[in-house]
C-alpha cells in the first residue's frame, strides 16, 4: 500500500494541535482527520479517533505495524514542514 497524496491544514493559536491531515492510499482510499500534535518529545501524528461511552478514545483507523506507522508519520510530517515553509516564504514576500 502506497501513500499517494498527503494534504495538511495547519491550525493557528493552539499550542498542542498543529494541523489536521488527510492521507490518500493507492489513489483509492482516504483517511481524514489525522492530527499533528506537538508533544513532549516533539511532533507526532495521532490517528483519527472517536470518544467512547466510557470517556476513552479509540482509533477509527490505524497502521497495523511499526513500518507502516513510520512511513505514514514521515509522509505527514514532511508535508506539514513543506506547508509551513511555503507559508513562511509567502509571508516574507508580502512584506
PDB file of N, CA and C in Angstrom:
ATOM      1  N   UNK A   1       0.849  -1.169   0.000  1.00  0.00           N
ATOM      2  CA  UNK A   1       0.000   0.000   0.000  1.00  0.00           C
ATOM      3  C   UNK A   1       0.896   1.233   0.000  1.00  0.00           C
ATOM      4  N   UNK A   2       0.669   2.102  -0.964  1.00  0.00           N
ATOM      5  CA  UNK A   2       1.481   3.309  -1.087  1.00  0.00           C
ATOM      6  C   UNK A   2       0.670   4.546  -0.732  1.00  0.00           C
ATOM      7  N   UNK A   3       1.342   5.485  -0.114  1.00  0.00           N
ATOM      8  CA  UNK A   3       0.729   6.784   0.171  1.00  0.00           C
ATOM      9  C   UNK A   3       0.890   7.614  -1.093  1.00  0.00           C
ATOM     10  N   UNK A   4      -0.219   7.984  -1.710  1.00  0.00           N
ATOM     11  CA  UNK A   4      -0.148   8.704  -2.977  1.00  0.00           C
ATOM     12  C   UNK A   4      -0.388  10.205  -2.837  1.00  0.00           C
ATOM     13  N   UNK A   5      -0.964  10.636  -1.711  1.00  0.00           N
ATOM     14  CA  UNK A   5      -1.159  12.070  -1.503  1.00  0.00           C
ATOM     15  C   UNK A   5      -1.348  12.346  -0.016  1.00  0.00           C
ATOM     16  N   UNK A   6      -0.797  13.470   0.411  1.00  0.00           N
ATOM     17  CA  UNK A   6      -0.982  13.947   1.780  1.00  0.00           C
ATOM     18  C   UNK A   6      -1.365  15.412   1.701  1.00  0.00           C
ATOM     19  N   UNK A   7      -2.441  15.763   2.388  1.00  0.00           N
ATOM     20  CA  UNK A   7      -2.867  17.168   2.476  1.00  0.00           C
ATOM     21  C   UNK A   7      -2.835  17.574   3.944  1.00  0.00           C
ATOM     22  N   UNK A   8      -2.282  18.747   4.205  1.00  0.00           N
ATOM     23  CA  UNK A   8      -2.162  19.225   5.579  1.00  0.00           C
ATOM     24  C   UNK A   8      -2.795  20.603   5.696  1.00  0.00           C
ATOM     25  N   UNK A   9      -3.588  20.784   6.760  1.00  0.00           N
ATOM     26  CA  UNK A   9      -4.217  22.074   7.051  1.00  0.00           C
ATOM     27  C   UNK A   9      -3.758  22.541   8.426  1.00  0.00           C
ATOM     28  N   UNK A  10      -2.789  23.472   8.464  1.00  0.00           N
ATOM     29  CA  UNK A  10      -2.283  23.958   9.753  1.00  0.00           C
ATOM     30  C   UNK A  10      -3.372  24.669  10.566  1.00  0.00           C
ATOM     31  N   UNK A  11      -3.234  24.600  11.881  1.00  0.00           N
ATOM     32  CA  UNK A  11      -4.134  25.249  12.819  1.00  0.00           C
ATOM     33  C   UNK A  11      -3.319  26.301  13.567  1.00  0.00           C
ATOM     34  N   UNK A  12      -3.832  27.504  13.650  1.00  0.00           N
ATOM     35  CA  UNK A  12      -3.121  28.554  14.374  1.00  0.00           C
ATOM     36  C   UNK A  12      -3.743  28.761  15.747  1.00  0.00           C
ATOM     37  N   UNK A  13      -2.912  29.159  16.710  1.00  0.00           N
ATOM     38  CA  UNK A  13      -3.412  29.530  18.016  1.00  0.00           C
ATOM     39  C   UNK A  13      -3.547  28.406  19.014  1.00  0.00           C
ATOM     40  N   UNK A  14      -3.115  27.210  18.674  1.00  0.00           N
ATOM     41  CA  UNK A  14      -3.191  26.092  19.615  1.00  0.00           C
ATOM     42  C   UNK A  14      -1.772  25.581  19.843  1.00  0.00           C
ATOM     43  N   UNK A  15      -1.370  25.471  21.093  1.00  0.00           N
ATOM     44  CA  UNK A  15       0.000  25.038  21.392  1.00  0.00           C
ATOM     45  C   UNK A  15       0.240  23.579  21.048  1.00  0.00           C
ATOM     46  N   UNK A  16      -0.743  22.729  21.261  1.00  0.00           N
ATOM     47  CA  UNK A  16      -0.542  21.292  21.035  1.00  0.00           C
ATOM     48  C   UNK A  16      -0.983  20.825  19.661  1.00  0.00           C
ATOM     49  N   UNK A  17      -2.200  21.164  19.243  1.00  0.00           N
ATOM     50  CA  UNK A  17      -2.711  20.745  17.937  1.00  0.00           C
ATOM     51  C   UNK A  17      -2.167  21.697  16.878  1.00  0.00           C
ATOM     52  N   UNK A  18      -1.352  21.165  15.993  1.00  0.00           N
ATOM     53  CA  UNK A  18      -0.692  21.997  14.990  1.00  0.00           C
ATOM     54  C   UNK A  18      -1.363  21.939  13.620  1.00  0.00           C
ATOM     55  N   UNK A  19      -2.019  20.800  13.299  1.00  0.00           N
ATOM     56  CA  UNK A  19      -2.630  20.675  11.972  1.00  0.00           C
ATOM     57  C   UNK A  19      -3.491  19.416  11.910  1.00  0.00           C
ATOM     58  N   UNK A  20      -4.364  19.404  10.900  1.00  0.00           N
ATOM     59  CA  UNK A  20      -5.097  18.201  10.525  1.00  0.00           C
ATOM     60  C   UNK A  20      -4.526  17.723   9.201  1.00  0.00           C
ATOM     61  N   UNK A  21      -4.581  16.423   8.966  1.00  0.00           N
ATOM     62  CA  UNK A  21      -4.060  15.872   7.716  1.00  0.00           C
ATOM     63  C   UNK A  21      -5.048  14.869   7.123  1.00  0.00           C
ATOM     64  N   UNK A  22      -4.982  14.765   5.810  1.00  0.00           N
ATOM     65  CA  UNK A  22      -5.729  13.774   5.049  1.00  0.00           C
ATOM     66  C   UNK A  22      -4.711  12.987   4.239  1.00  0.00           C
ATOM     67  N   UNK A  23      -4.838  11.670   4.252  1.00  0.00           N
ATOM     68  CA  UNK A  23      -3.898  10.811   3.527  1.00  0.00           C
ATOM     69  C   UNK A  23      -4.669   9.934   2.551  1.00  0.00           C
ATOM     70  N   UNK A  24      -4.174   9.881   1.312  1.00  0.00           N
ATOM     71  CA  UNK A  24      -4.782   9.036   0.284  1.00  0.00           C
ATOM     72  C   UNK A  24      -3.813   7.890  -0.019  1.00  0.00           C
ATOM     73  N   UNK A  25      -4.353   6.671  -0.034  1.00  0.00           N
ATOM     74  CA  UNK A  25      -3.573   5.471  -0.303  1.00  0.00           C
ATOM     75  C   UNK A  25      -3.948   4.913  -1.676  1.00  0.00           C
ATOM     76  N   UNK A  26      -2.934   4.626  -2.476  1.00  0.00           N
ATOM     77  CA  UNK A  26      -3.111   3.992  -3.790  1.00  0.00           C
ATOM     78  C   UNK A  26      -4.140   4.708  -4.671  1.00  0.00           C
ATOM     79  N   UNK A  27      -4.302   6.001  -4.484  1.00  0.00           N
ATOM     80  CA  UNK A  27      -5.296   6.796  -5.234  1.00  0.00           C
ATOM     81  C   UNK A  27      -6.698   6.205  -5.134  1.00  0.00           C
ATOM     82  N   UNK A  28      -6.948   5.419  -4.067  1.00  0.00           N
ATOM     83  CA  UNK A  28      -8.245   4.740  -3.960  1.00  0.00           C
ATOM     84  C   UNK A  28      -8.890   4.796  -2.582  1.00  0.00           C
ATOM     85  N   UNK A  29      -8.125   5.130  -1.544  1.00  0.00           N
ATOM     86  CA  UNK A  29      -8.674   5.066  -0.191  1.00  0.00           C
ATOM     87  C   UNK A  29      -8.180   6.273   0.594  1.00  0.00           C
ATOM     88  N   UNK A  30      -9.089   6.964   1.280  1.00  0.00           N
ATOM     89  CA  UNK A  30      -8.725   8.185   2.007  1.00  0.00           C
ATOM     90  C   UNK A  30      -8.975   8.017   3.503  1.00  0.00           C
ATOM     91  N   UNK A  31      -8.062   8.569   4.296  1.00  0.00           N
ATOM     92  CA  UNK A  31      -8.229   8.650   5.748  1.00  0.00           C
ATOM     93  C   UNK A  31      -8.096  10.122   6.114  1.00  0.00           C
ATOM     94  N   UNK A  32      -9.141  10.656   6.736  1.00  0.00           N
ATOM     95  CA  UNK A  32      -9.174  12.068   7.116  1.00  0.00           C
ATOM     96  C   UNK A  32      -8.997  12.224   8.628  1.00  0.00           C
ATOM     97  N   UNK A  33      -8.724  13.452   9.013  1.00  0.00           N
ATOM     98  CA  UNK A  33      -8.682  13.858  10.425  1.00  0.00           C
ATOM     99  C   UNK A  33      -7.544  13.247  11.236  1.00  0.00           C
ATOM    100  N   UNK A  34      -6.416  12.967  10.591  1.00  0.00           N
ATOM    101  CA  UNK A  34      -5.220  12.675  11.365  1.00  0.00           C
ATOM    102  C   UNK A  34      -4.806  14.001  11.988  1.00  0.00           C
ATOM    103  N   UNK A  35      -4.224  13.972  13.164  1.00  0.00           N
ATOM    104  CA  UNK A  35      -3.830  15.202  13.844  1.00  0.00           C
ATOM    105  C   UNK A  35      -2.319  15.237  13.999  1.00  0.00           C
ATOM    106  N   UNK A  36      -1.746  16.410  13.763  1.00  0.00           N
ATOM    107  CA  UNK A  36      -0.335  16.627  14.047  1.00  0.00           C
ATOM    108  C   UNK A  36      -0.294  17.333  15.397  1.00  0.00           C
ATOM    109  N   UNK A  37       0.330  16.666  16.361  1.00  0.00           N
ATOM    110  CA  UNK A  37       0.347  17.126  17.739  1.00  0.00           C
ATOM    111  C   UNK A  37       1.778  17.454  18.154  1.00  0.00           C
ATOM    112  N   UNK A  38       1.930  18.550  18.892  1.00  0.00           N
ATOM    113  CA  UNK A  38       3.222  18.898  19.471  1.00  0.00           C
ATOM    114  C   UNK A  38       3.259  18.325  20.884  1.00  0.00           C
ATOM    115  N   UNK A  39       3.930  17.185  21.043  1.00  0.00           N
ATOM    116  CA  UNK A  39       4.002  16.504  22.329  1.00  0.00           C
ATOM    117  C   UNK A  39       5.288  16.813  23.065  1.00  0.00           C
ATOM    118  N   UNK A  40       5.508  16.147  24.164  1.00  0.00           N
ATOM    119  CA  UNK A  40       6.703  16.367  24.988  1.00  0.00           C
ATOM    120  C   UNK A  40       7.989  16.037  24.249  1.00  0.00           C
ATOM    121  N   UNK A  41       7.924  15.088  23.309  1.00  0.00           N
ATOM    122  CA  UNK A  41       9.124  14.681  22.562  1.00  0.00           C
ATOM    123  C   UNK A  41       9.123  15.233  21.142  1.00  0.00           C
ATOM    124  N   UNK A  42       8.293  16.238  20.863  1.00  0.00           N
ATOM    125  CA  UNK A  42       8.232  16.816  19.528  1.00  0.00           C
ATOM    126  C   UNK A  42       6.941  16.448  18.813  1.00  0.00           C
ATOM    127  N   UNK A  43       6.937  16.679  17.511  1.00  0.00           N
ATOM    128  CA  UNK A  43       5.735  16.431  16.718  1.00  0.00           C
ATOM    129  C   UNK A  43       5.484  14.946  16.516  1.00  0.00           C
ATOM    130  N   UNK A  44       4.203  14.569  16.539  1.00  0.00           N
ATOM    131  CA  UNK A  44       3.814  13.210  16.185  1.00  0.00           C
ATOM    132  C   UNK A  44       2.444  13.247  15.533  1.00  0.00           C
ATOM    133  N   UNK A  45       2.080  12.156  14.876  1.00  0.00           N
ATOM    134  CA  UNK A  45       0.807  12.056  14.171  1.00  0.00           C
ATOM    135  C   UNK A  45      -0.127  11.161  14.975  1.00  0.00           C
ATOM    136  N   UNK A  46      -1.303  11.694  15.310  1.00  0.00           N
ATOM    137  CA  UNK A  46      -2.334  10.932  16.014  1.00  0.00           C
ATOM    138  C   UNK A  46      -3.379  10.494  15.001  1.00  0.00           C
ATOM    139  N   UNK A  47      -3.781   9.259  15.114  1.00  0.00           N
ATOM    140  CA  UNK A  47      -4.767   8.708  14.198  1.00  0.00           C
ATOM    141  C   UNK A  47      -6.158   9.258  14.509  1.00  0.00           C
ATOM    142  N   UNK A  48      -7.055   9.243  13.520  1.00  0.00           N
ATOM    143  CA  UNK A  48      -8.426   9.689  13.780  1.00  0.00           C
ATOM    144  C   UNK A  48      -9.058   8.787  14.840  1.00  0.00           C
ATOM    145  N   UNK A  49      -9.797   9.400  15.755  1.00  0.00           N
ATOM    146  CA  UNK A  49     -10.380   8.615  16.841  1.00  0.00           C
ATOM    147  C   UNK A  49     -11.767   9.143  17.185  1.00  0.00           C
ATOM    148  N   UNK A  50     -12.472   8.368  18.002  1.00  0.00           N
ATOM    149  CA  UNK A  50     -13.778   8.815  18.476  1.00  0.00           C
ATOM    150  C   UNK A  50     -13.857   8.519  19.971  1.00  0.00           C
ATOM    151  N   UNK A  51     -14.659   9.317  20.633  1.00  0.00           N
ATOM    152  CA  UNK A  51     -14.813   9.176  22.074  1.00  0.00           C
ATOM    153  C   UNK A  51     -15.828   8.074  22.368  1.00  0.00           C
ATOM    154  N   UNK A  52     -15.445   7.169  23.252  1.00  0.00           N
ATOM    155  CA  UNK A  52     -16.315   6.064  23.631  1.00  0.00           C
ATOM    156  C   UNK A  52     -17.199   6.484  24.814  1.00  0.00           C
ATOM    157  N   UNK A  53     -18.198   5.687  25.112  1.00  0.00           N
ATOM    158  CA  UNK A  53     -19.118   5.997  26.214  1.00  0.00           C
ATOM    159  C   UNK A  53     -18.408   6.124  27.552  1.00  0.00           C
ATOM    160  N   UNK A  54     -17.315   5.386  27.715  1.00  0.00           N
ATOM    161  CA  UNK A  54     -16.588   5.435  28.988  1.00  0.00           C
ATOM    162  C   UNK A  54     -15.624   6.626  29.078  1.00  0.00           C
ATOM    163  N   UNK A  55     -15.593   7.470  28.033  1.00  0.00           N
ATOM    164  CA  UNK A  55     -14.742   8.658  28.043  1.00  0.00           C
ATOM    165  C   UNK A  55     -13.384   8.456  27.403  1.00  0.00           C
ATOM    166  N   UNK A  56     -13.008   7.222  27.131  1.00  0.00           N
ATOM    167  CA  UNK A  56     -11.739   6.950  26.456  1.00  0.00           C
ATOM    168  C   UNK A  56     -11.896   7.156  24.959  1.00  0.00           C
ATOM    169  N   UNK A  57     -10.766   7.325  24.282  1.00  0.00           N
ATOM    170  CA  UNK A  57     -10.775   7.484  22.836  1.00  0.00           C
ATOM    171  C   UNK A  57     -10.257   6.213  22.186  1.00  0.00           C
ATOM    172  N   UNK A  58     -10.847   5.866  21.046  1.00  0.00           N
ATOM    173  CA  UNK A  58     -10.436   4.670  20.305  1.00  0.00           C
ATOM    174  C   UNK A  58     -10.167   5.071  18.853  1.00  0.00           C
ATOM    175  N   UNK A  59      -9.021   4.616  18.316  1.00  0.00           N
ATOM    176  CA  UNK A  59      -8.681   4.925  16.924  1.00  0.00           C
ATOM    177  C   UNK A  59      -9.729   4.352  15.981  1.00  0.00           C
ATOM    178  N   UNK A  60     -10.091   5.150  14.976  1.00  0.00           N
ATOM    179  CA  UNK A  60     -11.013   4.694  13.943  1.00  0.00           C
ATOM    180  C   UNK A  60     -10.237   3.914  12.878  1.00  0.00           C
ATOM    181  N   UNK A  61      -9.030   4.386  12.592  1.00  0.00           N
ATOM    182  CA  UNK A  61      -8.143   3.729  11.628  1.00  0.00           C
ATOM    183  C   UNK A  61      -6.719   3.890  12.139  1.00  0.00           C
ATOM    184  N   UNK A  62      -5.896   2.875  11.922  1.00  0.00           N
ATOM    185  CA  UNK A  62      -4.502   2.975  12.362  1.00  0.00           C
ATOM    186  C   UNK A  62      -3.655   1.916  11.659  1.00  0.00           C
ATOM    187  N   UNK A  63      -2.333   2.170  11.558  1.00  0.00           N
ATOM    188  CA  UNK A  63      -1.434   1.192  10.956  1.00  0.00           C
ATOM    189  C   UNK A  63      -1.359  -0.065  11.825  1.00  0.00           C
ATOM    190  N   UNK A  64      -1.132  -1.199  11.190  1.00  0.00           N
ATOM    191  CA  UNK A  64      -1.053  -2.457  11.923  1.00  0.00           C
ATOM    192  C   UNK A  64       0.375  -2.851  12.298  1.00  0.00           C
ATOM    193  N   UNK A  65       1.360  -2.120  11.759  1.00  0.00           N
ATOM    194  CA  UNK A  65       2.743  -2.440  12.123  1.00  0.00           C
ATOM    195  C   UNK A  65       3.582  -1.166  12.189  1.00  0.00           C
ATOM    196  N   UNK A  66       4.742  -1.270  12.819  1.00  0.00           N
ATOM    197  CA  UNK A  66       5.607  -0.101  13.015  1.00  0.00           C
ATOM    198  C   UNK A  66       6.141   0.464  11.707  1.00  0.00           C
ATOM    199  N   UNK A  67       6.389  -0.397  10.731  1.00  0.00           N
ATOM    200  CA  UNK A  67       6.906   0.068   9.436  1.00  0.00           C
ATOM    201  C   UNK A  67       5.904   1.014   8.767  1.00  0.00           C
ATOM    202  N   UNK A  68       4.642   0.633   8.747  1.00  0.00           N
ATOM    203  CA  UNK A  68       3.623   1.485   8.132  1.00  0.00           C
ATOM    204  C   UNK A  68       3.401   2.745   8.962  1.00  0.00           C
ATOM    205  N   UNK A  69       3.431   2.622  10.291  1.00  0.00           N
ATOM    206  CA  UNK A  69       3.265   3.799  11.152  1.00  0.00           C
ATOM    207  C   UNK A  69       4.381   4.818  10.871  1.00  0.00           C
ATOM    208  N   UNK A  70       5.613   4.337  10.753  1.00  0.00           N
ATOM    209  CA  UNK A  70       6.748   5.223  10.480  1.00  0.00           C
ATOM    210  C   UNK A  70       6.613   5.873   9.101  1.00  0.00           C
ATOM    211  N   UNK A  71       6.235   5.095   8.124  1.00  0.00           N
ATOM    212  CA  UNK A  71       6.046   5.601   6.754  1.00  0.00           C
ATOM    213  C   UNK A  71       4.973   6.695   6.730  1.00  0.00           C
ATOM    214  N   UNK A  72       3.870   6.444   7.412  1.00  0.00           N
ATOM    215  CA  UNK A  72       2.764   7.395   7.473  1.00  0.00           C
ATOM    216  C   UNK A  72       3.184   8.665   8.201  1.00  0.00           C
ATOM    217  N   UNK A  73       3.807   8.507   9.356  1.00  0.00           N
ATOM    218  CA  UNK A  73       4.225   9.676  10.136  1.00  0.00           C
ATOM    219  C   UNK A  73       5.242  10.518   9.372  1.00  0.00           C
ATOM    220  N   UNK A  74       6.196   9.875   8.730  1.00  0.00           N
ATOM    221  CA  UNK A  74       7.208  10.601   7.950  1.00  0.00           C
ATOM    222  C   UNK A  74       6.554  11.375   6.809  1.00  0.00           C
ATOM    223  N   UNK A  75       5.646  10.756   6.086  1.00  0.00           N
ATOM    224  CA  UNK A  75       4.973  11.417   4.968  1.00  0.00           C
ATOM    225  C   UNK A  75       4.160  12.622   5.432  1.00  0.00           C
ATOM    226  N   UNK A  76       3.425  12.464   6.529  1.00  0.00           N
ATOM    227  CA  UNK A  76       2.573  13.544   7.032  1.00  0.00           C
ATOM    228  C   UNK A  76       3.429  14.690   7.576  1.00  0.00           C
ATOM    229  N   UNK A  77       4.446  14.376   8.363  1.00  0.00           N
ATOM    230  CA  UNK A  77       5.285  15.439   8.937  1.00  0.00           C
ATOM    231  C   UNK A  77       6.114  16.145   7.863  1.00  0.00           C
ATOM    232  N   UNK A  78       6.562  15.414   6.845  1.00  0.00           N
ATOM    233  CA  UNK A  78       7.276  16.052   5.728  1.00  0.00           C
ATOM    234  C   UNK A  78       6.374  17.058   5.024  1.00  0.00           C
ATOM    235  N   UNK A  79       5.118  16.689   4.779  1.00  0.00           N
ATOM    236  CA  UNK A  79       4.179  17.596   4.121  1.00  0.00           C
ATOM    237  C   UNK A  79       3.865  18.785   5.028  1.00  0.00           C
ATOM    238  N   UNK A  80       3.716  18.549   6.316  1.00  0.00           N
ATOM    239  CA  UNK A  80       3.477  19.635   7.272  1.00  0.00           C
ATOM    240  C   UNK A  80       4.627  20.645   7.225  1.00  0.00           C
ATOM    241  N   UNK A  81       5.859  20.162   7.264  1.00  0.00           N
ATOM    242  CA  UNK A  81       7.013  21.057   7.210  1.00  0.00           C
ATOM    243  C   UNK A  81       7.077  21.816   5.883  1.00  0.00           C
ATOM    244  N   UNK A  82       6.701  21.159   4.795  1.00  0.00           N
ATOM    245  CA  UNK A  82       6.669  21.799   3.481  1.00  0.00           C
ATOM    246  C   UNK A  82       5.634  22.925   3.459  1.00  0.00           C
ATOM    247  N   UNK A  83       4.451  22.654   3.984  1.00  0.00           N
ATOM    248  CA  UNK A  83       3.383  23.664   4.026  1.00  0.00           C
ATOM    249  C   UNK A  83       3.803  24.846   4.891  1.00  0.00           C
ATOM    250  N   UNK A  84       4.421  24.580   6.036  1.00  0.00           N
ATOM    251  CA  UNK A  84       4.894  25.667   6.902  1.00  0.00           C
ATOM    252  C   UNK A  84       5.953  26.498   6.201  1.00  0.00           C
ATOM    253  N   UNK A  85       6.857  25.829   5.508  1.00  0.00           N
ATOM    254  CA  UNK A  85       7.925  26.529   4.785  1.00  0.00           C
ATOM    255  C   UNK A  85       7.344  27.421   3.691  1.00  0.00           C
ATOM    256  N   UNK A  86       6.377  26.909   2.940  1.00  0.00           N
ATOM    257  CA  UNK A  86       5.735  27.701   1.882  1.00  0.00           C
ATOM    258  C   UNK A  86       4.984  28.891   2.475  1.00  0.00           C
ATOM    259  N   UNK A  87       4.356  28.696   3.606  1.00  0.00           N
ATOM    260  CA  UNK A  87       3.620  29.759   4.277  1.00  0.00           C
ATOM    261  C   UNK A  87       4.567  30.861   4.744  1.00  0.00           C
ATOM    262  N   UNK A  88       5.722  30.477   5.260  1.00  0.00           N
ATOM    263  CA  UNK A  88       6.729  31.441   5.705  1.00  0.00           C
ATOM    264  C   UNK A  88       7.264  32.233   4.519  1.00  0.00           C
ATOM    265  N   UNK A  89       7.512  31.555   3.399  1.00  0.00           N
ATOM    266  CA  UNK A  89       8.007  32.230   2.201  1.00  0.00           C
ATOM    267  C   UNK A  89       6.971  33.234   1.676  1.00  0.00           C
ATOM    268  N   UNK A  90       5.706  32.862   1.677  1.00  0.00           N
ATOM    269  CA  UNK A  90       4.652  33.782   1.221  1.00  0.00           C
ATOM    270  C   UNK A  90       4.564  35.008   2.116  1.00  0.00           C
ATOM    271  N   UNK A  91       4.695  34.825   3.412  1.00  0.00           N
ATOM    272  CA  UNK A  91       4.650  35.940   4.363  1.00  0.00           C
ATOM    273  C   UNK A  91       5.818  36.880   4.120  1.00  0.00           C
ATOM    274  N   UNK A  92       7.001  36.326   3.894  1.00  0.00           N
ATOM    275  CA  UNK A  92       8.177  37.149   3.638  1.00  0.00           C
ATOM    276  C   UNK A  92       8.056  37.931   2.337  1.00  0.00           C
ATOM    277  N   UNK A  93       7.453  37.335   1.324  1.00  0.00           N
ATOM    278  CA  UNK A  93       7.269  38.014   0.039  1.00  0.00           C
ATOM    279  C   UNK A  93       6.287  39.175   0.154  1.00  0.00           C
ATOM    280  N   UNK A  94       5.304  39.052   1.027  1.00  0.00           N
ATOM    281  CA  UNK A  94       4.294  40.103   1.194  1.00  0.00           C
ATOM    282  C   UNK A  94       4.846  41.307   1.943  1.00  0.00           C
ATOM    283  N   UNK A  95       5.908  41.117   2.702  1.00  0.00           N
ATOM    284  CA  UNK A  95       6.469  42.221   3.499  1.00  0.00           C
ATOM    285  C   UNK A  95       7.311  43.147   2.697  1.00  0.00           C
TER     286      UNK A  95
END
